[in-house]
Amino acid sequence: YLDSYTIGWFREVPGKDREGVALINR
């Protein structure tokens, strides 16, 4: 159930660390 969790968006480009973009709580 998605409504029990915070969800985040991340992005990644080759050669770089995965970067946090946004999050939203439940």
mmCIF file of all heavy atoms, coordinates in Angstrom:
data_MODEL
# 
_entry.id   MODEL 
# 
loop_
_atom_site.group_PDB 
_atom_site.id 
_atom_site.type_symbol 
_atom_site.label_atom_id 
_atom_site.label_alt_id 
_atom_site.label_comp_id 
_atom_site.label_asym_id 
_atom_site.label_entity_id 
_atom_site.label_seq_id 
_atom_site.pdbx_PDB_ins_code 
_atom_site.Cartn_x 
_atom_site.Cartn_y 
_atom_site.Cartn_z 
_atom_site.occupancy 
_atom_site.B_iso_or_equiv 
_atom_site.pdbx_formal_charge 
_atom_site.auth_seq_id 
_atom_site.auth_comp_id 
_atom_site.auth_asym_id 
_atom_site.auth_atom_id 
_atom_site.pdbx_PDB_model_num 
ATOM 1   N N   . TYR A 1 1  ? 0.843  -1.192 0.000   1.00 0.00 ? 1  TYR A N   1 
ATOM 2   C CA  . TYR A 1 1  ? 0.000  0.000  0.000   1.00 0.00 ? 1  TYR A CA  1 
ATOM 3   C C   . TYR A 1 1  ? 0.877  1.241  0.000   1.00 0.00 ? 1  TYR A C   1 
ATOM 4   O O   . TYR A 1 1  ? 1.595  1.521  0.958   1.00 0.00 ? 1  TYR A O   1 
ATOM 5   C CB  . TYR A 1 1  ? -0.927 -0.001 1.201   1.00 0.00 ? 1  TYR A CB  1 
ATOM 6   C CG  . TYR A 1 1  ? -1.990 -1.064 1.098   1.00 0.00 ? 1  TYR A CG  1 
ATOM 7   C CD1 . TYR A 1 1  ? -1.958 -2.196 1.906   1.00 0.00 ? 1  TYR A CD1 1 
ATOM 8   C CD2 . TYR A 1 1  ? -3.022 -0.948 0.172   1.00 0.00 ? 1  TYR A CD2 1 
ATOM 9   C CE1 . TYR A 1 1  ? -2.933 -3.169 1.809   1.00 0.00 ? 1  TYR A CE1 1 
ATOM 10  C CE2 . TYR A 1 1  ? -3.998 -1.923 0.067   1.00 0.00 ? 1  TYR A CE2 1 
ATOM 11  C CZ  . TYR A 1 1  ? -3.945 -3.039 0.881   1.00 0.00 ? 1  TYR A CZ  1 
ATOM 12  O OH  . TYR A 1 1  ? -4.898 -4.015 0.765   1.00 0.00 ? 1  TYR A OH  1 
ATOM 13  N N   . LEU A 1 2  ? 0.815  1.977  -1.094  1.00 0.00 ? 2  LEU A N   1 
ATOM 14  C CA  . LEU A 1 2  ? 1.668  3.147  -1.262  1.00 0.00 ? 2  LEU A CA  1 
ATOM 15  C C   . LEU A 1 2  ? 1.437  4.169  -0.158  1.00 0.00 ? 2  LEU A C   1 
ATOM 16  O O   . LEU A 1 2  ? 2.367  4.867  0.259   1.00 0.00 ? 2  LEU A O   1 
ATOM 17  C CB  . LEU A 1 2  ? 1.381  3.779  -2.622  1.00 0.00 ? 2  LEU A CB  1 
ATOM 18  C CG  . LEU A 1 2  ? 2.378  4.801  -3.118  1.00 0.00 ? 2  LEU A CG  1 
ATOM 19  C CD1 . LEU A 1 2  ? 3.655  4.120  -3.548  1.00 0.00 ? 2  LEU A CD1 1 
ATOM 20  C CD2 . LEU A 1 2  ? 1.797  5.616  -4.256  1.00 0.00 ? 2  LEU A CD2 1 
ATOM 21  N N   . ASP A 1 3  ? 0.206  4.251  0.367   1.00 0.00 ? 3  ASP A N   1 
ATOM 22  C CA  . ASP A 1 3  ? -0.114 5.293  1.331   1.00 0.00 ? 3  ASP A CA  1 
ATOM 23  C C   . ASP A 1 3  ? 0.543  5.082  2.686   1.00 0.00 ? 3  ASP A C   1 
ATOM 24  O O   . ASP A 1 3  ? 0.381  5.905  3.582   1.00 0.00 ? 3  ASP A O   1 
ATOM 25  C CB  . ASP A 1 3  ? -1.619 5.482  1.471   1.00 0.00 ? 3  ASP A CB  1 
ATOM 26  C CG  . ASP A 1 3  ? -2.328 4.221  1.924   1.00 0.00 ? 3  ASP A CG  1 
ATOM 27  O OD1 . ASP A 1 3  ? -1.648 3.218  2.195   1.00 0.00 ? 3  ASP A OD1 1 
ATOM 28  O OD2 . ASP A 1 3  ? -3.567 4.242  1.971   1.00 0.00 ? 3  ASP A OD2 1 
ATOM 29  N N   . SER A 1 4  ? 1.286  4.016  2.854   1.00 0.00 ? 4  SER A N   1 
ATOM 30  C CA  . SER A 1 4  ? 2.008  3.774  4.100   1.00 0.00 ? 4  SER A CA  1 
ATOM 31  C C   . SER A 1 4  ? 3.455  4.236  4.046   1.00 0.00 ? 4  SER A C   1 
ATOM 32  O O   . SER A 1 4  ? 4.180  4.125  5.048   1.00 0.00 ? 4  SER A O   1 
ATOM 33  C CB  . SER A 1 4  ? 1.994  2.278  4.441   1.00 0.00 ? 4  SER A CB  1 
ATOM 34  O OG  . SER A 1 4  ? 0.674  1.840  4.700   1.00 0.00 ? 4  SER A OG  1 
ATOM 35  N N   . TYR A 1 5  ? 3.899  4.742  2.900   1.00 0.00 ? 5  TYR A N   1 
ATOM 36  C CA  . TYR A 1 5  ? 5.319  5.018  2.717   1.00 0.00 ? 5  TYR A CA  1 
ATOM 37  C C   . TYR A 1 5  ? 5.589  6.357  2.040   1.00 0.00 ? 5  TYR A C   1 
ATOM 38  O O   . TYR A 1 5  ? 4.837  6.791  1.159   1.00 0.00 ? 5  TYR A O   1 
ATOM 39  C CB  . TYR A 1 5  ? 5.962  3.922  1.878   1.00 0.00 ? 5  TYR A CB  1 
ATOM 40  C CG  . TYR A 1 5  ? 6.056  2.604  2.588   1.00 0.00 ? 5  TYR A CG  1 
ATOM 41  C CD1 . TYR A 1 5  ? 5.013  1.686  2.521   1.00 0.00 ? 5  TYR A CD1 1 
ATOM 42  C CD2 . TYR A 1 5  ? 7.163  2.291  3.364   1.00 0.00 ? 5  TYR A CD2 1 
ATOM 43  C CE1 . TYR A 1 5  ? 5.084  0.483  3.197   1.00 0.00 ? 5  TYR A CE1 1 
ATOM 44  C CE2 . TYR A 1 5  ? 7.244  1.094  4.044   1.00 0.00 ? 5  TYR A CE2 1 
ATOM 45  C CZ  . TYR A 1 5  ? 6.202  0.188  3.951   1.00 0.00 ? 5  TYR A CZ  1 
ATOM 46  O OH  . TYR A 1 5  ? 6.274  -1.003 4.616   1.00 0.00 ? 5  TYR A OH  1 
ATOM 47  N N   . THR A 1 6  ? 6.702  6.953  2.445   1.00 0.00 ? 6  THR A N   1 
ATOM 48  C CA  . THR A 1 6  ? 7.297  8.051  1.690   1.00 0.00 ? 6  THR A CA  1 
ATOM 49  C C   . THR A 1 6  ? 7.913  7.474  0.411   1.00 0.00 ? 6  THR A C   1 
ATOM 50  O O   . THR A 1 6  ? 8.490  6.388  0.430   1.00 0.00 ? 6  THR A O   1 
ATOM 51  C CB  . THR A 1 6  ? 8.395  8.733  2.520   1.00 0.00 ? 6  THR A CB  1 
ATOM 52  O OG1 . THR A 1 6  ? 7.769  9.433  3.599   1.00 0.00 ? 6  THR A OG1 1 
ATOM 53  C CG2 . THR A 1 6  ? 9.222  9.691  1.694   1.00 0.00 ? 6  THR A CG2 1 
ATOM 54  N N   . ILE A 1 7  ? 7.776  8.228  -0.673  1.00 0.00 ? 7  ILE A N   1 
ATOM 55  C CA  . ILE A 1 7  ? 8.359  7.818  -1.949  1.00 0.00 ? 7  ILE A CA  1 
ATOM 56  C C   . ILE A 1 7  ? 9.285  8.918  -2.447  1.00 0.00 ? 7  ILE A C   1 
ATOM 57  O O   . ILE A 1 7  ? 8.965  10.112 -2.348  1.00 0.00 ? 7  ILE A O   1 
ATOM 58  C CB  . ILE A 1 7  ? 7.269  7.558  -3.005  1.00 0.00 ? 7  ILE A CB  1 
ATOM 59  C CG1 . ILE A 1 7  ? 6.349  6.419  -2.556  1.00 0.00 ? 7  ILE A CG1 1 
ATOM 60  C CG2 . ILE A 1 7  ? 7.894  7.249  -4.359  1.00 0.00 ? 7  ILE A CG2 1 
ATOM 61  C CD1 . ILE A 1 7  ? 7.028  5.062  -2.431  1.00 0.00 ? 7  ILE A CD1 1 
ATOM 62  N N   . GLY A 1 8  ? 10.425 8.502  -2.966  1.00 0.00 ? 8  GLY A N   1 
ATOM 63  C CA  . GLY A 1 8  ? 11.379 9.456  -3.514  1.00 0.00 ? 8  GLY A CA  1 
ATOM 64  C C   . GLY A 1 8  ? 11.623 9.225  -4.993  1.00 0.00 ? 8  GLY A C   1 
ATOM 65  O O   . GLY A 1 8  ? 11.452 8.115  -5.501  1.00 0.00 ? 8  GLY A O   1 
ATOM 66  N N   . TRP A 1 9  ? 12.021 10.313 -5.670  1.00 0.00 ? 9  TRP A N   1 
ATOM 67  C CA  . TRP A 1 9  ? 12.493 10.237 -7.047  1.00 0.00 ? 9  TRP A CA  1 
ATOM 68  C C   . TRP A 1 9  ? 13.981 10.559 -7.051  1.00 0.00 ? 9  TRP A C   1 
ATOM 69  O O   . TRP A 1 9  ? 14.420 11.494 -6.388  1.00 0.00 ? 9  TRP A O   1 
ATOM 70  C CB  . TRP A 1 9  ? 11.765 11.240 -7.937  1.00 0.00 ? 9  TRP A CB  1 
ATOM 71  C CG  . TRP A 1 9  ? 10.405 10.825 -8.386  1.00 0.00 ? 9  TRP A CG  1 
ATOM 72  C CD1 . TRP A 1 9  ? 9.211  11.196 -7.849  1.00 0.00 ? 9  TRP A CD1 1 
ATOM 73  C CD2 . TRP A 1 9  ? 10.088 9.979  -9.494  1.00 0.00 ? 9  TRP A CD2 1 
ATOM 74  N NE1 . TRP A 1 9  ? 8.175  10.629 -8.545  1.00 0.00 ? 9  TRP A NE1 1 
ATOM 75  C CE2 . TRP A 1 9  ? 8.689  9.872  -9.566  1.00 0.00 ? 9  TRP A CE2 1 
ATOM 76  C CE3 . TRP A 1 9  ? 10.850 9.294  -10.444 1.00 0.00 ? 9  TRP A CE3 1 
ATOM 77  C CZ2 . TRP A 1 9  ? 8.026  9.108  -10.534 1.00 0.00 ? 9  TRP A CZ2 1 
ATOM 78  C CZ3 . TRP A 1 9  ? 10.204 8.540  -11.415 1.00 0.00 ? 9  TRP A CZ3 1 
ATOM 79  C CH2 . TRP A 1 9  ? 8.808  8.449  -11.450 1.00 0.00 ? 9  TRP A CH2 1 
ATOM 80  N N   . PHE A 1 10 ? 14.714 9.795  -7.831  1.00 0.00 ? 10 PHE A N   1 
ATOM 81  C CA  . PHE A 1 10 ? 16.148 9.976  -7.981  1.00 0.00 ? 10 PHE A CA  1 
ATOM 82  C C   . PHE A 1 10 ? 16.486 9.954  -9.460  1.00 0.00 ? 10 PHE A C   1 
ATOM 83  O O   . PHE A 1 10 ? 15.702 9.493  -10.280 1.00 0.00 ? 10 PHE A O   1 
ATOM 84  C CB  . PHE A 1 10 ? 16.901 8.842  -7.269  1.00 0.00 ? 10 PHE A CB  1 
ATOM 85  C CG  . PHE A 1 10 ? 16.676 8.797  -5.786  1.00 0.00 ? 10 PHE A CG  1 
ATOM 86  C CD1 . PHE A 1 10 ? 15.512 8.251  -5.253  1.00 0.00 ? 10 PHE A CD1 1 
ATOM 87  C CD2 . PHE A 1 10 ? 17.626 9.314  -4.915  1.00 0.00 ? 10 PHE A CD2 1 
ATOM 88  C CE1 . PHE A 1 10 ? 15.294 8.222  -3.889  1.00 0.00 ? 10 PHE A CE1 1 
ATOM 89  C CE2 . PHE A 1 10 ? 17.423 9.285  -3.543  1.00 0.00 ? 10 PHE A CE2 1 
ATOM 90  C CZ  . PHE A 1 10 ? 16.252 8.731  -3.032  1.00 0.00 ? 10 PHE A CZ  1 
ATOM 91  N N   . ARG A 1 11 ? 17.665 10.421 -9.790  1.00 0.00 ? 11 ARG A N   1 
ATOM 92  C CA  . ARG A 1 11 ? 18.117 10.336 -11.175 1.00 0.00 ? 11 ARG A CA  1 
ATOM 93  C C   . ARG A 1 11 ? 19.600 10.004 -11.219 1.00 0.00 ? 11 ARG A C   1 
ATOM 94  O O   . ARG A 1 11 ? 20.347 10.294 -10.266 1.00 0.00 ? 11 ARG A O   1 
ATOM 95  C CB  . ARG A 1 11 ? 17.841 11.634 -11.936 1.00 0.00 ? 11 ARG A CB  1 
ATOM 96  C CG  . ARG A 1 11 ? 18.582 12.853 -11.441 1.00 0.00 ? 11 ARG A CG  1 
ATOM 97  C CD  . ARG A 1 11 ? 18.096 14.099 -12.186 1.00 0.00 ? 11 ARG A CD  1 
ATOM 98  N NE  . ARG A 1 11 ? 18.823 15.297 -11.783 1.00 0.00 ? 11 ARG A NE  1 
ATOM 99  C CZ  . ARG A 1 11 ? 18.535 16.516 -12.205 1.00 0.00 ? 11 ARG A CZ  1 
ATOM 100 N NH1 . ARG A 1 11 ? 17.511 16.715 -13.046 1.00 0.00 ? 11 ARG A NH1 1 
ATOM 101 N NH2 . ARG A 1 11 ? 19.250 17.563 -11.803 1.00 0.00 ? 11 ARG A NH2 1 
ATOM 102 N N   . GLU A 1 12 ? 19.988 9.409  -12.324 1.00 0.00 ? 12 GLU A N   1 
ATOM 103 C CA  . GLU A 1 12 ? 21.375 8.963  -12.447 1.00 0.00 ? 12 GLU A CA  1 
ATOM 104 C C   . GLU A 1 12 ? 21.843 9.152  -13.878 1.00 0.00 ? 12 GLU A C   1 
ATOM 105 O O   . GLU A 1 12 ? 21.136 8.838  -14.828 1.00 0.00 ? 12 GLU A O   1 
ATOM 106 C CB  . GLU A 1 12 ? 21.480 7.487  -12.055 1.00 0.00 ? 12 GLU A CB  1 
ATOM 107 C CG  . GLU A 1 12 ? 22.891 6.959  -12.007 1.00 0.00 ? 12 GLU A CG  1 
ATOM 108 C CD  . GLU A 1 12 ? 22.950 5.551  -11.443 1.00 0.00 ? 12 GLU A CD  1 
ATOM 109 O OE1 . GLU A 1 12 ? 21.923 5.043  -10.980 1.00 0.00 ? 12 GLU A OE1 1 
ATOM 110 O OE2 . GLU A 1 12 ? 24.044 4.966  -11.488 1.00 0.00 ? 12 GLU A OE2 1 
ATOM 111 N N   . VAL A 1 13 ? 23.064 9.654  -13.988 1.00 0.00 ? 13 VAL A N   1 
ATOM 112 C CA  . VAL A 1 13 ? 23.742 9.735  -15.286 1.00 0.00 ? 13 VAL A CA  1 
ATOM 113 C C   . VAL A 1 13 ? 25.017 8.903  -15.181 1.00 0.00 ? 13 VAL A C   1 
ATOM 114 O O   . VAL A 1 13 ? 25.579 8.761  -14.084 1.00 0.00 ? 13 VAL A O   1 
ATOM 115 C CB  . VAL A 1 13 ? 24.072 11.182 -15.684 1.00 0.00 ? 13 VAL A CB  1 
ATOM 116 C CG1 . VAL A 1 13 ? 22.787 11.976 -15.869 1.00 0.00 ? 13 VAL A CG1 1 
ATOM 117 C CG2 . VAL A 1 13 ? 24.953 11.853 -14.671 1.00 0.00 ? 13 VAL A CG2 1 
ATOM 118 N N   . PRO A 1 14 ? 25.468 8.348  -16.275 1.00 0.00 ? 14 PRO A N   1 
ATOM 119 C CA  . PRO A 1 14 ? 26.668 7.500  -16.236 1.00 0.00 ? 14 PRO A CA  1 
ATOM 120 C C   . PRO A 1 14 ? 27.851 8.237  -15.630 1.00 0.00 ? 14 PRO A C   1 
ATOM 121 O O   . PRO A 1 14 ? 28.111 9.401  -15.951 1.00 0.00 ? 14 PRO A O   1 
ATOM 122 C CB  . PRO A 1 14 ? 26.906 7.163  -17.707 1.00 0.00 ? 14 PRO A CB  1 
ATOM 123 C CG  . PRO A 1 14 ? 25.570 7.251  -18.329 1.00 0.00 ? 14 PRO A CG  1 
ATOM 124 C CD  . PRO A 1 14 ? 24.872 8.373  -17.619 1.00 0.00 ? 14 PRO A CD  1 
ATOM 125 N N   . GLY A 1 15 ? 28.530 7.572  -14.720 1.00 0.00 ? 15 GLY A N   1 
ATOM 126 C CA  . GLY A 1 15 ? 29.733 8.134  -14.119 1.00 0.00 ? 15 GLY A CA  1 
ATOM 127 C C   . GLY A 1 15 ? 29.488 9.012  -12.911 1.00 0.00 ? 15 GLY A C   1 
ATOM 128 O O   . GLY A 1 15 ? 30.438 9.509  -12.308 1.00 0.00 ? 15 GLY A O   1 
ATOM 129 N N   . LYS A 1 16 ? 28.223 9.188  -12.557 1.00 0.00 ? 16 LYS A N   1 
ATOM 130 C CA  . LYS A 1 16 ? 27.908 10.017 -11.395 1.00 0.00 ? 16 LYS A CA  1 
ATOM 131 C C   . LYS A 1 16 ? 27.062 9.235  -10.402 1.00 0.00 ? 16 LYS A C   1 
ATOM 132 O O   . LYS A 1 16 ? 26.387 8.265  -10.758 1.00 0.00 ? 16 LYS A O   1 
ATOM 133 C CB  . LYS A 1 16 ? 27.156 11.281 -11.825 1.00 0.00 ? 16 LYS A CB  1 
ATOM 134 C CG  . LYS A 1 16 ? 27.994 12.261 -12.627 1.00 0.00 ? 16 LYS A CG  1 
ATOM 135 C CD  . LYS A 1 16 ? 27.253 13.569 -12.838 1.00 0.00 ? 16 LYS A CD  1 
ATOM 136 C CE  . LYS A 1 16 ? 28.113 14.588 -13.554 1.00 0.00 ? 16 LYS A CE  1 
ATOM 137 N NZ  . LYS A 1 16 ? 27.404 15.881 -13.733 1.00 0.00 ? 16 LYS A NZ  1 
ATOM 138 N N   . ASP A 1 17 ? 27.068 9.686  -9.149  1.00 0.00 ? 17 ASP A N   1 
ATOM 139 C CA  . ASP A 1 17 ? 26.232 9.052  -8.134  1.00 0.00 ? 17 ASP A CA  1 
ATOM 140 C C   . ASP A 1 17 ? 24.764 9.340  -8.408  1.00 0.00 ? 17 ASP A C   1 
ATOM 141 O O   . ASP A 1 17 ? 24.415 10.369 -9.000  1.00 0.00 ? 17 ASP A O   1 
ATOM 142 C CB  . ASP A 1 17 ? 26.599 9.581  -6.747  1.00 0.00 ? 17 ASP A CB  1 
ATOM 143 C CG  . ASP A 1 17 ? 27.971 9.128  -6.290  1.00 0.00 ? 17 ASP A CG  1 
ATOM 144 O OD1 . ASP A 1 17 ? 28.469 8.118  -6.819  1.00 0.00 ? 17 ASP A OD1 1 
ATOM 145 O OD2 . ASP A 1 17 ? 28.533 9.794  -5.396  1.00 0.00 ? 17 ASP A OD2 1 
ATOM 146 N N   . ARG A 1 18 ? 23.929 8.424  -7.952  1.00 0.00 ? 18 ARG A N   1 
ATOM 147 C CA  . ARG A 1 18 ? 22.495 8.648  -8.067  1.00 0.00 ? 18 ARG A CA  1 
ATOM 148 C C   . ARG A 1 18 ? 22.108 9.839  -7.185  1.00 0.00 ? 18 ARG A C   1 
ATOM 149 O O   . ARG A 1 18 ? 22.470 9.891  -6.016  1.00 0.00 ? 18 ARG A O   1 
ATOM 150 C CB  . ARG A 1 18 ? 21.743 7.382  -7.667  1.00 0.00 ? 18 ARG A CB  1 
ATOM 151 C CG  . ARG A 1 18 ? 20.283 7.378  -8.051  1.00 0.00 ? 18 ARG A CG  1 
ATOM 152 C CD  . ARG A 1 18 ? 19.687 6.001  -7.904  1.00 0.00 ? 18 ARG A CD  1 
ATOM 153 N NE  . ARG A 1 18 ? 20.237 5.066  -8.907  1.00 0.00 ? 18 ARG A NE  1 
ATOM 154 C CZ  . ARG A 1 18 ? 19.772 3.832  -9.109  1.00 0.00 ? 18 ARG A CZ  1 
ATOM 155 N NH1 . ARG A 1 18 ? 18.749 3.388  -8.386  1.00 0.00 ? 18 ARG A NH1 1 
ATOM 156 N NH2 . ARG A 1 18 ? 20.333 3.056  -10.005 1.00 0.00 ? 18 ARG A NH2 1 
ATOM 157 N N   . GLU A 1 19 ? 21.365 10.753 -7.766  1.00 0.00 ? 19 GLU A N   1 
ATOM 158 C CA  . GLU A 1 19 ? 21.044 12.020 -7.107  1.00 0.00 ? 19 GLU A CA  1 
ATOM 159 C C   . GLU A 1 19 ? 19.576 12.058 -6.694  1.00 0.00 ? 19 GLU A C   1 
ATOM 160 O O   . GLU A 1 19 ? 18.698 11.716 -7.499  1.00 0.00 ? 19 GLU A O   1 
ATOM 161 C CB  . GLU A 1 19 ? 21.332 13.166 -8.086  1.00 0.00 ? 19 GLU A CB  1 
ATOM 162 C CG  . GLU A 1 19 ? 20.903 14.539 -7.628  1.00 0.00 ? 19 GLU A CG  1 
ATOM 163 C CD  . GLU A 1 19 ? 20.917 15.577 -8.737  1.00 0.00 ? 19 GLU A CD  1 
ATOM 164 O OE1 . GLU A 1 19 ? 20.930 15.205 -9.928  1.00 0.00 ? 19 GLU A OE1 1 
ATOM 165 O OE2 . GLU A 1 19 ? 20.901 16.784 -8.408  1.00 0.00 ? 19 GLU A OE2 1 
ATOM 166 N N   . GLY A 1 20 ? 19.310 12.502 -5.471  1.00 0.00 ? 20 GLY A N   1 
ATOM 167 C CA  . GLY A 1 20 ? 17.934 12.669 -5.036  1.00 0.00 ? 20 GLY A CA  1 
ATOM 168 C C   . GLY A 1 20 ? 17.301 13.885 -5.690  1.00 0.00 ? 20 GLY A C   1 
ATOM 169 O O   . GLY A 1 20 ? 17.924 14.941 -5.759  1.00 0.00 ? 20 GLY A O   1 
ATOM 170 N N   . VAL A 1 21 ? 16.072 13.730 -6.164  1.00 0.00 ? 21 VAL A N   1 
ATOM 171 C CA  . VAL A 1 21 ? 15.379 14.811 -6.866  1.00 0.00 ? 21 VAL A CA  1 
ATOM 172 C C   . VAL A 1 21 ? 14.234 15.363 -6.029  1.00 0.00 ? 21 VAL A C   1 
ATOM 173 O O   . VAL A 1 21 ? 14.115 16.576 -5.853  1.00 0.00 ? 21 VAL A O   1 
ATOM 174 C CB  . VAL A 1 21 ? 14.847 14.301 -8.227  1.00 0.00 ? 21 VAL A CB  1 
ATOM 175 C CG1 . VAL A 1 21 ? 14.011 15.378 -8.910  1.00 0.00 ? 21 VAL A CG1 1 
ATOM 176 C CG2 . VAL A 1 21 ? 15.992 13.864 -9.126  1.00 0.00 ? 21 VAL A CG2 1 
ATOM 177 N N   . ALA A 1 22 ? 13.395 14.477 -5.491  1.00 0.00 ? 22 ALA A N   1 
ATOM 178 C CA  . ALA A 1 22 ? 12.228 14.924 -4.729  1.00 0.00 ? 22 ALA A CA  1 
ATOM 179 C C   . ALA A 1 22 ? 11.696 13.770 -3.905  1.00 0.00 ? 22 ALA A C   1 
ATOM 180 O O   . ALA A 1 22 ? 11.928 12.604 -4.227  1.00 0.00 ? 22 ALA A O   1 
ATOM 181 C CB  . ALA A 1 22 ? 11.141 15.451 -5.665  1.00 0.00 ? 22 ALA A CB  1 
ATOM 182 N N   . LEU A 1 23 ? 10.982 14.105 -2.842  1.00 0.00 ? 23 LEU A N   1 
ATOM 183 C CA  . LEU A 1 23 ? 10.296 13.092 -2.063  1.00 0.00 ? 23 LEU A CA  1 
ATOM 184 C C   . LEU A 1 23 ? 8.957  13.639 -1.589  1.00 0.00 ? 23 LEU A C   1 
ATOM 185 O O   . LEU A 1 23 ? 8.747  14.857 -1.517  1.00 0.00 ? 23 LEU A O   1 
ATOM 186 C CB  . LEU A 1 23 ? 11.138 12.609 -0.893  1.00 0.00 ? 23 LEU A CB  1 
ATOM 187 C CG  . LEU A 1 23 ? 11.476 13.580 0.245   1.00 0.00 ? 23 LEU A CG  1 
ATOM 188 C CD1 . LEU A 1 23 ? 10.332 13.712 1.249   1.00 0.00 ? 23 LEU A CD1 1 
ATOM 189 C CD2 . LEU A 1 23 ? 12.737 13.133 0.974   1.00 0.00 ? 23 LEU A CD2 1 
ATOM 190 N N   . ILE A 1 24 ? 8.071  12.714 -1.262  1.00 0.00 ? 24 ILE A N   1 
ATOM 191 C CA  . ILE A 1 24 ? 6.764  13.091 -0.738  1.00 0.00 ? 24 ILE A CA  1 
ATOM 192 C C   . ILE A 1 24 ? 6.382  12.083 0.333   1.00 0.00 ? 24 ILE A C   1 
ATOM 193 O O   . ILE A 1 24 ? 6.530  10.868 0.137   1.00 0.00 ? 24 ILE A O   1 
ATOM 194 C CB  . ILE A 1 24 ? 5.715  13.152 -1.874  1.00 0.00 ? 24 ILE A CB  1 
ATOM 195 C CG1 . ILE A 1 24 ? 4.378  13.683 -1.363  1.00 0.00 ? 24 ILE A CG1 1 
ATOM 196 C CG2 . ILE A 1 24 ? 5.557  11.813 -2.582  1.00 0.00 ? 24 ILE A CG2 1 
ATOM 197 C CD1 . ILE A 1 24 ? 3.428  14.089 -2.484  1.00 0.00 ? 24 ILE A CD1 1 
ATOM 198 N N   . ASN A 1 25 ? 5.932  12.595 1.481   1.00 0.00 ? 25 ASN A N   1 
ATOM 199 C CA  . ASN A 1 25 ? 5.578  11.660 2.535   1.00 0.00 ? 25 ASN A CA  1 
ATOM 200 C C   . ASN A 1 25 ? 4.189  11.079 2.275   1.00 0.00 ? 25 ASN A C   1 
ATOM 201 O O   . ASN A 1 25 ? 3.500  11.464 1.328   1.00 0.00 ? 25 ASN A O   1 
ATOM 202 C CB  . ASN A 1 25 ? 5.708  12.314 3.905   1.00 0.00 ? 25 ASN A CB  1 
ATOM 203 C CG  . ASN A 1 25 ? 4.504  13.155 4.282   1.00 0.00 ? 25 ASN A CG  1 
ATOM 204 O OD1 . ASN A 1 25 ? 3.852  13.744 3.427   1.00 0.00 ? 25 ASN A OD1 1 
ATOM 205 N ND2 . ASN A 1 25 ? 4.198  13.199 5.561   1.00 0.00 ? 25 ASN A ND2 1 
ATOM 206 N N   . ARG A 1 26 ? 3.786  10.170 3.134   1.00 0.00 ? 26 ARG A N   1 
ATOM 207 C CA  . ARG A 1 26 ? 2.590  9.390  2.818   1.00 0.00 ? 26 ARG A CA  1 
ATOM 208 C C   . ARG A 1 26 ? 1.313  10.204 2.801   1.00 0.00 ? 26 ARG A C   1 
ATOM 209 O O   . ARG A 1 26 ? 0.377  9.863  2.096   1.00 0.00 ? 26 ARG A O   1 
ATOM 210 C CB  . ARG A 1 26 ? 2.475  8.211  3.778   1.00 0.00 ? 26 ARG A CB  1 
ATOM 211 C CG  . ARG A 1 26 ? 2.500  8.580  5.237   1.00 0.00 ? 26 ARG A CG  1 
ATOM 212 C CD  . ARG A 1 26 ? 2.578  7.330  6.085   1.00 0.00 ? 26 ARG A CD  1 
ATOM 213 N NE  . ARG A 1 26 ? 2.592  7.632  7.498   1.00 0.00 ? 26 ARG A NE  1 
ATOM 214 C CZ  . ARG A 1 26 ? 2.647  6.700  8.434   1.00 0.00 ? 26 ARG A CZ  1 
ATOM 215 N NH1 . ARG A 1 26 ? 2.688  5.429  8.110   1.00 0.00 ? 26 ARG A NH1 1 
ATOM 216 N NH2 . ARG A 1 26 ? 2.661  7.047  9.708   1.00 0.00 ? 26 ARG A NH2 1 
# 
